[in-house]
Amino acid sequence: MVETDAPFLTPTPYRGRPNAPYMVPITLRSMAETLGTDASMLAAQIASNTELVYGAWDAEPVTVDE
């Protein structure tokens, strides 16, 4: 998964600003370059990993019986 909660690990060219979710694509492209892979392939793998961790986003919502 791609991290955005580390306030002091903002990717270049935004270094010095607070990190935020809108910077995930920049981080992902940097990761792909470092790994020597295509960014879209890495994004697909990360999406698959995220679904394994959190479940499908279109799954039935969790309800609480009262």
C-alpha atoms as a PDB file:
ATOM      1  CA  MET A   1       0.000   0.000   0.000  1.00  0.00           C
ATOM      2  CA  VAL A   2       1.092   3.596  -0.471  1.00  0.00           C
ATOM      3  CA  GLU A   3       1.616   5.694   2.653  1.00  0.00           C
ATOM      4  CA  THR A   4       0.391   9.292   2.997  1.00  0.00           C
ATOM      5  CA  ASP A   5       0.287   9.655   6.782  1.00  0.00           C
ATOM      6  CA  ALA A   6       4.003  10.347   7.247  1.00  0.00           C
ATOM      7  CA  PRO A   7       4.016  14.156   7.575  1.00  0.00           C
ATOM      8  CA  PHE A   8       7.742  14.551   6.869  1.00  0.00           C
ATOM      9  CA  LEU A   9       8.028  12.176   3.895  1.00  0.00           C
ATOM     10  CA  THR A  10       6.325  14.387   1.337  1.00  0.00           C
ATOM     11  CA  PRO A  11       7.522  13.472  -2.166  1.00  0.00           C
ATOM     12  CA  THR A  12       9.564  15.786  -4.357  1.00  0.00           C
ATOM     13  CA  PRO A  13       8.620  18.381  -5.699  1.00  0.00           C
ATOM     14  CA  TYR A  14       6.414  19.122  -2.667  1.00  0.00           C
ATOM     15  CA  ARG A  15       9.055  18.434  -0.007  1.00  0.00           C
ATOM     16  CA  GLY A  16       8.551  20.769   2.958  1.00  0.00           C
ATOM     17  CA  ARG A  17       4.740  20.773   2.696  1.00  0.00           C
ATOM     18  CA  PRO A  18       2.526  18.466   4.764  1.00  0.00           C
ATOM     19  CA  ASN A  19       1.975  15.091   3.134  1.00  0.00           C
ATOM     20  CA  ALA A  20      -1.560  14.439   1.871  1.00  0.00           C
ATOM     21  CA  PRO A  21      -3.529  11.796  -0.069  1.00  0.00           C
ATOM     22  CA  TYR A  22      -3.453  13.834  -3.297  1.00  0.00           C
ATOM     23  CA  MET A  23       0.292  13.077  -3.454  1.00  0.00           C
ATOM     24  CA  VAL A  24      -0.194   9.295  -3.713  1.00  0.00           C
ATOM     25  CA  PRO A  25       0.229   9.304  -7.525  1.00  0.00           C
ATOM     26  CA  ILE A  26       3.583  11.068  -7.197  1.00  0.00           C
ATOM     27  CA  THR A  27       4.734   8.535  -4.611  1.00  0.00           C
ATOM     28  CA  LEU A  28       3.464   5.642  -6.737  1.00  0.00           C
ATOM     29  CA  ARG A  29       5.317   6.871  -9.844  1.00  0.00           C
ATOM     30  CA  SER A  30       8.515   7.192  -7.802  1.00  0.00           C
ATOM     31  CA  MET A  31       8.044   3.678  -6.430  1.00  0.00           C
ATOM     32  CA  ALA A  32       7.543   2.312  -9.951  1.00  0.00           C
ATOM     33  CA  GLU A  33      10.679   4.046 -11.185  1.00  0.00           C
ATOM     34  CA  THR A  34      12.701   2.690  -8.260  1.00  0.00           C
ATOM     35  CA  LEU A  35      11.364  -0.824  -8.868  1.00  0.00           C
ATOM     36  CA  GLY A  36      11.864  -0.559 -12.625  1.00  0.00           C
ATOM     37  CA  THR A  37       8.241  -1.317 -13.425  1.00  0.00           C
ATOM     38  CA  ASP A  38       5.317   0.381 -15.124  1.00  0.00           C
ATOM     39  CA  ALA A  39       3.300   2.713 -12.866  1.00  0.00           C
ATOM     40  CA  SER A  40      -0.047   1.324 -14.074  1.00  0.00           C
ATOM     41  CA  MET A  41       1.064  -2.242 -13.312  1.00  0.00           C
ATOM     42  CA  LEU A  42       2.222  -1.215  -9.836  1.00  0.00           C
ATOM     43  CA  ALA A  43      -1.063   0.666  -9.252  1.00  0.00           C
ATOM     44  CA  ALA A  44      -3.037  -2.462 -10.192  1.00  0.00           C
ATOM     45  CA  GLN A  45      -0.987  -4.584  -7.784  1.00  0.00           C
ATOM     46  CA  ILE A  46      -1.408  -2.038  -4.988  1.00  0.00           C
ATOM     47  CA  ALA A  47      -5.171  -1.921  -5.625  1.00  0.00           C
ATOM     48  CA  SER A  48      -5.272  -5.717  -5.385  1.00  0.00           C
ATOM     49  CA  ASN A  49      -3.251  -5.672  -2.147  1.00  0.00           C
ATOM     50  CA  THR A  50      -5.521  -2.991  -0.692  1.00  0.00           C
ATOM     51  CA  GLU A  51      -8.596  -5.082  -1.478  1.00  0.00           C
ATOM     52  CA  LEU A  52      -6.982  -8.086   0.226  1.00  0.00           C
ATOM     53  CA  VAL A  53      -6.358  -6.007   3.357  1.00  0.00           C
ATOM     54  CA  TYR A  54      -9.637  -4.045   3.536  1.00  0.00           C
ATOM     55  CA  GLY A  55     -12.017  -6.106   1.421  1.00  0.00           C
ATOM     56  CA  ALA A  56     -13.906  -5.112  -1.698  1.00  0.00           C
ATOM     57  CA  TRP A  57     -15.288  -1.577  -1.695  1.00  0.00           C
ATOM     58  CA  ASP A  58     -18.525  -2.761  -3.251  1.00  0.00           C
ATOM     59  CA  ALA A  59     -19.114  -5.353  -0.521  1.00  0.00           C
ATOM     60  CA  GLU A  60     -22.240  -5.163   1.607  1.00  0.00           C
ATOM     61  CA  PRO A  61     -21.929  -2.564   4.378  1.00  0.00           C
ATOM     62  CA  VAL A  62     -21.397  -3.754   7.919  1.00  0.00           C
ATOM     63  CA  THR A  63     -24.517  -3.332  10.063  1.00  0.00           C
ATOM     64  CA  VAL A  64     -25.047  -3.618  13.789  1.00  0.00           C
ATOM     65  CA  ASP A  65     -28.036  -5.523  15.149  1.00  0.00           C
ATOM     66  CA  GLU A  66     -29.789  -3.604  17.910  1.00  0.00           C
END
